[in-house]
């Protein structure tokens, strides 16, 4: 499959990009989270396609990486992680063969970075766990959903931490509404509000919606530029940054790997194109620490696994 790099025209504004210290071992389809102003990268797959279960910590103040070693979780790609209070909730993902239920991992764990301890919790309710999206609504509940298992779904579940319990929540809308059934979307929380969009279903998508009151989705401004899947996003205090991804026009088309960074303002429901990444990426990570937006790892247009990390500052 031939992949092309898409980056036409010019950004609305241009934020400065800085290259950070490269991760010693590059990987794609990893997951990340931020705790106590440090970023953690978990699992993914290396350049040989081997799934991993280790975790690394990146410290922005010193621009250094530290290998924290293997975790109790089995190797996987496209895991899900969400910080809530003093703990991180990690799990789900994929390893194995597509179409086999056992390849879609349901285990769910509580991780305490302060003590480096792991506790296994109640399994996720179904096998739609490949690249699910998670939001922390407060210090007591999480919302997780929109994973993949050989087909497209839009299930959402509420996880109550104190009771270690999953409950299905009915946030479905008609197929021609928002958000549609999809795979490979991205989302995050900004200004206390939960947003999600993009992804793939027969072709790449550019929908963008807000989960309101944990009960329903409301359509927001469509993501501009090429429709995309396997992008990455992260939020600062004021904005959500959406980075890269890959565009497919249909099931039989070639892919175009993107390198634009779009910025969404929840207060105005508007998007801006703010930067061009040094290289196009998909299956990468994105996080923010102290107002700086970091992105990297993943794969470029040649499916080469990347170990570089970059950042921009508002």
Protein backbone atom coordinates (compact mmCIF):
# COMPACT_ATOMS: atom_id res chain seq x y z
CA UNK A 1 0.00 0.00 0.00
CA UNK A 2 1.42 3.37 -1.02
CA UNK A 3 1.21 6.10 1.57
CA UNK A 4 1.61 9.77 0.81
CA UNK A 5 2.27 12.70 3.10
CA UNK A 6 -0.51 15.28 3.11
CA UNK A 7 0.21 18.86 4.07
CA UNK A 8 -1.07 21.43 1.59
CA UNK A 9 -1.55 25.17 2.07
CA UNK A 10 -0.41 27.00 5.20
CA UNK A 11 -1.41 26.98 8.88
CA UNK A 12 -3.64 29.73 10.25
CA UNK A 13 -0.86 30.48 12.75
CA UNK A 14 2.48 28.76 13.27
CA UNK A 15 3.60 27.71 16.74
CA UNK A 16 7.27 26.88 17.28
CA UNK A 17 8.24 23.21 17.40
CA UNK A 18 11.12 21.85 19.49
CA UNK A 19 12.64 18.39 19.27
CA UNK A 20 13.00 16.62 22.61
CA UNK A 21 15.12 13.67 23.66
CA UNK A 22 14.26 10.57 21.67
CA UNK A 23 12.84 7.55 23.44
CA UNK A 24 15.54 4.83 23.61
CA UNK A 25 13.13 2.26 22.18
CA UNK A 26 10.62 3.49 19.64
CA UNK A 27 7.15 2.03 19.44
CA UNK A 28 3.78 2.39 17.79
CA UNK A 29 0.23 1.94 19.09
CA UNK A 30 1.34 2.67 22.65
CA UNK A 31 -0.76 4.47 25.25
CA UNK A 32 0.31 7.30 27.53
CA UNK A 33 -0.80 9.28 30.56
CA UNK A 34 0.52 12.15 32.67
CA UNK A 35 0.92 12.00 36.44
CA UNK A 36 2.69 14.52 38.68
CA UNK A 37 4.04 16.38 35.63
CA UNK A 38 5.72 13.27 34.23
CA UNK A 39 4.57 11.34 31.17
CA UNK A 40 4.30 7.55 31.16
CA UNK A 41 4.31 5.41 28.01
CA UNK A 42 2.91 1.89 28.23
CA UNK A 43 3.03 -1.10 25.86
CA UNK A 44 2.71 -0.84 22.07
CA UNK A 45 4.80 -2.72 19.51
CA UNK A 46 8.39 -2.36 18.39
CA UNK A 47 9.86 -2.22 14.88
CA UNK A 48 9.74 -6.03 14.58
CA UNK A 49 6.01 -6.06 15.38
CA UNK A 50 6.52 -7.58 18.83
CA UNK A 51 3.93 -6.48 21.39
CA UNK A 52 5.33 -4.98 24.60
CA UNK A 53 4.19 -4.71 28.22
CA UNK A 54 6.83 -2.40 29.67
CA UNK A 55 6.48 1.19 30.83
CA UNK A 56 8.74 4.22 30.47
CA UNK A 57 8.67 7.57 32.26
CA UNK A 58 9.55 10.83 30.53
CA UNK A 59 10.53 13.80 32.73
CA UNK A 60 10.11 17.08 30.81
CA UNK A 61 12.15 19.19 33.26
CA UNK A 62 15.26 17.13 32.52
CA UNK A 63 14.22 15.89 29.05
CA UNK A 64 15.10 12.32 30.06
CA UNK A 65 13.59 8.85 29.76
CA UNK A 66 13.60 6.11 32.41
CA UNK A 67 12.73 2.46 31.80
CA UNK A 68 10.41 1.30 34.59
CA UNK A 69 10.50 -2.29 33.40
CA UNK A 70 7.79 -4.84 32.71
CA UNK A 71 4.30 -4.46 34.16
CA UNK A 72 1.98 -7.26 35.36
CA UNK A 73 -0.16 -6.73 32.28
CA UNK A 74 0.29 -8.93 29.23
CA UNK A 75 1.82 -7.40 26.07
CA UNK A 76 -0.64 -5.45 23.89
CA UNK A 77 -1.29 -2.57 21.54
CA UNK A 78 -3.96 0.14 21.68
CA UNK A 79 -4.47 -0.05 25.43
CA UNK A 80 -6.50 2.57 27.33
CA UNK A 81 -5.31 4.70 30.25
CA UNK A 82 -7.03 7.39 32.33
CA UNK A 83 -5.82 9.36 35.36
CA UNK A 84 -8.34 9.85 38.15
CA UNK A 85 -7.26 11.31 41.49
CA UNK A 86 -4.11 9.66 42.81
CA UNK A 87 -4.39 6.60 40.60
CA UNK A 88 -4.24 5.61 36.95
CA UNK A 89 -6.65 3.14 35.36
CA UNK A 90 -5.03 1.07 32.63
CA UNK A 91 -5.94 -1.94 30.51
CA UNK A 92 -7.89 -3.23 27.51
CA UNK A 93 -6.23 -3.29 24.08
CA UNK A 94 -5.43 -6.00 21.56
CA UNK A 95 -3.00 -8.86 21.00
CA UNK A 96 -3.48 -11.85 18.75
CA UNK A 97 -5.60 -12.41 15.65
CA UNK A 98 -8.43 -10.22 14.42
CA UNK A 99 -11.83 -11.83 14.72
CA UNK A 100 -10.99 -13.90 17.80
CA UNK A 101 -12.66 -12.68 20.99
CA UNK A 102 -9.70 -13.71 23.16
CA UNK A 103 -7.47 -11.27 21.25
CA UNK A 104 -9.46 -8.32 22.58
CA UNK A 105 -8.23 -7.87 26.13
CA UNK A 106 -10.72 -7.03 28.89
CA UNK A 107 -8.46 -6.74 31.96
CA UNK A 108 -8.62 -3.45 33.89
CA UNK A 109 -6.03 -2.33 36.46
CA UNK A 110 -5.42 0.39 39.01
CA UNK A 111 -1.87 1.71 39.03
CA UNK A 112 -0.37 3.83 41.82
CA UNK A 113 2.66 5.74 40.51
CA UNK A 114 3.62 6.80 44.05
CA UNK A 115 4.23 3.19 45.10
CA UNK A 116 4.59 1.57 41.66
CA UNK A 117 1.88 -0.96 42.55
CA UNK A 118 -0.78 -2.60 40.38
CA UNK A 119 -4.19 -3.95 41.41
CA UNK A 120 -6.42 -5.89 39.05
CA UNK A 121 -10.05 -4.74 38.96
CA UNK A 122 -13.30 -5.95 37.40
CA UNK A 123 -12.96 -6.86 33.73
CA UNK A 124 -14.47 -4.61 31.07
CA UNK A 125 -18.03 -5.72 30.22
CA UNK A 126 -17.45 -6.70 26.58
CA UNK A 127 -14.68 -7.47 24.09
CA UNK A 128 -14.84 -4.15 22.22
CA UNK A 129 -11.54 -3.08 23.74
CA UNK A 130 -9.17 -2.29 20.87
CA UNK A 131 -8.32 1.45 21.05
CA UNK A 132 -11.13 2.44 23.40
CA UNK A 133 -11.33 6.05 24.65
CA UNK A 134 -11.58 7.02 28.33
CA UNK A 135 -12.58 10.16 30.23
CA UNK A 136 -12.35 10.93 33.95
CA UNK A 137 -15.54 12.73 34.94
CA UNK A 138 -14.42 13.37 38.52
CA UNK A 139 -12.43 11.50 41.18
CA UNK A 140 -15.12 8.82 41.46
CA UNK A 141 -16.12 7.78 37.94
CA UNK A 142 -14.70 7.09 34.50
CA UNK A 143 -16.32 6.77 31.07
CA UNK A 144 -14.87 4.24 28.64
CA UNK A 145 -16.09 3.21 25.21
CA UNK A 146 -15.83 3.19 21.42
CA UNK A 147 -13.46 0.23 21.24
CA UNK A 148 -13.25 -2.22 18.34
CA UNK A 149 -13.73 -6.01 18.09
CA UNK A 150 -13.86 -7.15 14.46
CA UNK A 151 -16.78 -4.73 14.02
CA UNK A 152 -17.67 -1.13 14.84
CA UNK A 153 -19.57 -0.17 18.00
CA UNK A 154 -20.35 2.94 20.01
CA UNK A 155 -20.87 1.42 23.45
CA UNK A 156 -20.09 3.60 26.45
CA UNK A 157 -19.70 2.40 30.04
CA UNK A 158 -19.45 4.19 33.36
CA UNK A 159 -16.91 2.75 35.80
CA UNK A 160 -17.57 3.56 39.48
CA UNK A 161 -14.24 3.37 41.28
CA UNK A 162 -15.44 2.86 44.86
CA UNK A 163 -17.70 -0.03 43.81
CA UNK A 164 -15.39 -1.48 41.15
CA UNK A 165 -18.44 -1.66 38.89
CA UNK A 166 -19.17 -1.15 35.21
CA UNK A 167 -22.58 0.14 34.03
CA UNK A 168 -23.75 0.57 30.47
CA UNK A 169 -24.98 4.07 29.67
CA UNK A 170 -27.32 4.70 26.76
CA UNK A 171 -25.75 7.49 24.74
CA UNK A 172 -26.55 6.05 21.31
CA UNK A 173 -27.80 8.19 18.45
CA UNK A 174 -28.98 7.27 14.93
CA UNK A 175 -26.24 6.12 12.58
CA UNK A 176 -26.49 9.28 10.50
CA UNK A 177 -26.05 11.41 13.62
CA UNK A 178 -23.03 12.04 15.81
CA UNK A 179 -21.04 10.24 16.93
CA UNK A 180 -21.16 7.38 14.47
CA UNK A 181 -19.92 3.85 15.03
CA UNK A 182 -16.21 4.04 14.41
CA UNK A 183 -12.73 2.78 15.23
CA UNK A 184 -9.46 4.61 15.80
CA UNK A 185 -10.91 7.90 17.03
CA UNK A 186 -9.38 10.13 19.66
CA UNK A 187 -10.66 12.26 22.52
CA UNK A 188 -9.78 14.01 25.75
CA UNK A 189 -11.09 16.32 28.45
CA UNK A 190 -10.68 20.09 28.32
CA UNK A 191 -12.20 22.72 30.62
CA UNK A 192 -14.00 19.89 32.41
CA UNK A 193 -15.75 18.82 29.19
CA UNK A 194 -15.31 15.55 27.27
CA UNK A 195 -14.75 15.58 23.51
CA UNK A 196 -14.17 12.86 20.95
CA UNK A 197 -14.09 12.39 17.21
CA UNK A 198 -12.43 11.27 13.95
CA UNK A 199 -11.81 7.54 13.37
CA UNK A 200 -12.76 5.11 10.64
CA UNK A 201 -15.84 3.30 9.34
CA UNK A 202 -15.52 2.29 5.68
CA UNK A 203 -13.57 5.56 5.25
CA UNK A 204 -11.89 8.08 7.52
CA UNK A 205 -14.12 10.42 9.52
CA UNK A 206 -14.02 14.02 10.75
CA UNK A 207 -16.90 14.14 13.25
CA UNK A 208 -16.38 15.87 16.58
CA UNK A 209 -18.80 15.70 19.52
CA UNK A 210 -19.13 16.39 23.24
CA UNK A 211 -20.32 13.91 25.86
CA UNK A 212 -22.73 16.04 27.89
CA UNK A 213 -23.66 15.12 31.48
CA UNK A 214 -22.55 11.55 30.78
CA UNK A 215 -25.91 10.99 29.11
CA UNK A 216 -25.74 12.05 25.47
CA UNK A 217 -23.51 13.33 22.67
CA UNK A 218 -23.90 16.76 21.08
CA UNK A 219 -22.39 17.59 17.72
CA UNK A 220 -19.59 20.14 17.63
CA UNK A 221 -17.63 21.79 14.81
CA UNK A 222 -16.31 19.26 12.31
CA UNK A 223 -12.56 18.70 12.33
CA UNK A 224 -11.19 20.62 9.31
CA UNK A 225 -8.73 19.30 6.76
CA UNK A 226 -8.49 15.70 5.71
CA UNK A 227 -10.73 13.15 7.40
CA UNK A 228 -8.55 10.95 9.60
CA UNK A 229 -8.14 7.96 11.84
CA UNK A 230 -5.38 6.88 14.25
CA UNK A 231 -4.66 10.50 15.17
CA UNK A 232 -3.67 11.59 18.69
CA UNK A 233 -4.93 14.38 20.92
CA UNK A 234 -4.22 16.08 24.23
CA UNK A 235 -5.58 19.09 26.11
CA UNK A 236 -4.08 22.11 27.80
CA UNK A 237 -6.11 24.38 30.08
CA UNK A 238 -7.62 26.17 27.09
CA UNK A 239 -7.40 23.98 23.99
CA UNK A 240 -7.44 20.48 22.56
CA UNK A 241 -4.63 19.67 20.12
CA UNK A 242 -5.27 17.07 17.43
CA UNK A 243 -2.14 15.72 15.72
CA UNK A 244 -1.65 13.81 12.49
CA UNK A 245 -3.34 10.51 11.69
CA UNK A 246 -3.99 8.73 8.42
CA UNK A 247 -6.62 9.41 5.77
CA UNK A 248 -8.40 6.62 3.91
CA UNK A 249 -10.99 7.54 1.31
CA UNK A 250 -12.46 4.03 1.33
CA UNK A 251 -11.71 0.37 1.91
CA UNK A 252 -9.75 -0.01 -1.34
CA UNK A 253 -7.89 3.28 -1.35
CA UNK A 254 -4.32 4.04 -0.44
CA UNK A 255 -3.58 5.96 2.74
CA UNK A 256 -2.29 9.48 3.17
CA UNK A 257 -0.42 10.06 6.44
CA UNK A 258 -1.05 13.55 7.81
CA UNK A 259 1.25 15.95 9.63
CA UNK A 260 -0.98 18.88 10.57
CA UNK A 261 -1.75 19.94 14.14
CA UNK A 262 -5.22 21.39 14.67
CA UNK A 263 -6.29 23.27 17.80
CA UNK A 264 -9.86 23.23 19.11
CA UNK A 265 -11.25 25.91 21.45
CA UNK A 266 -14.20 24.50 23.46
CA UNK A 267 -15.32 27.99 24.50
CA UNK A 268 -15.92 29.06 20.87
CA UNK A 269 -16.37 25.68 19.16
CA UNK A 270 -13.74 26.65 16.59
CA UNK A 271 -10.67 24.98 15.06
CA UNK A 272 -7.34 26.48 13.99
CA UNK A 273 -4.45 24.94 12.09
CA UNK A 274 -1.46 25.84 14.28
CA UNK A 275 1.57 23.79 13.19
CA UNK A 276 3.05 21.28 10.76
CA UNK A 277 4.78 18.30 12.34
CA UNK A 278 8.36 17.59 11.19
CA UNK A 279 7.14 14.22 9.92
CA UNK A 280 3.71 12.70 9.29
CA UNK A 281 2.63 10.24 11.97
CA UNK A 282 -0.12 7.82 12.90
CA UNK A 283 -0.44 5.33 15.77
CA UNK A 284 1.48 7.87 17.84
CA UNK A 285 1.02 9.44 21.29
CA UNK A 286 0.22 12.95 22.46
CA UNK A 287 0.21 14.48 25.96
CA UNK A 288 0.56 17.84 27.72
CA UNK A 289 2.65 18.90 30.69
CA UNK A 290 2.62 22.45 32.08
CA UNK A 291 1.09 24.00 28.99
CA UNK A 292 3.41 22.26 26.53
CA UNK A 293 2.04 19.79 24.00
CA UNK A 294 4.22 16.75 23.25
CA UNK A 295 3.77 14.17 20.51
CA UNK A 296 5.84 11.45 18.91
CA UNK A 297 6.65 7.74 18.57
CA UNK A 298 4.15 6.02 16.24
CA UNK A 299 4.76 5.34 12.55
CA UNK A 300 5.52 7.55 9.57
CA UNK A 301 4.37 7.26 5.95
CA UNK A 302 6.66 4.25 5.37
CA UNK A 303 5.30 2.42 8.44
CA UNK A 304 8.70 2.94 10.06
CA UNK A 305 8.43 2.87 13.86
CA UNK A 306 9.51 6.23 15.23
CA UNK A 307 11.26 7.07 18.52
CA UNK A 308 11.36 10.85 18.26
CA UNK A 309 9.46 13.23 20.53
CA UNK A 310 8.52 16.86 19.83
CA UNK A 311 6.76 19.67 21.66
CA UNK A 312 5.13 23.04 21.11
CA UNK A 313 4.17 25.71 23.62
CA UNK A 314 1.11 27.92 23.49
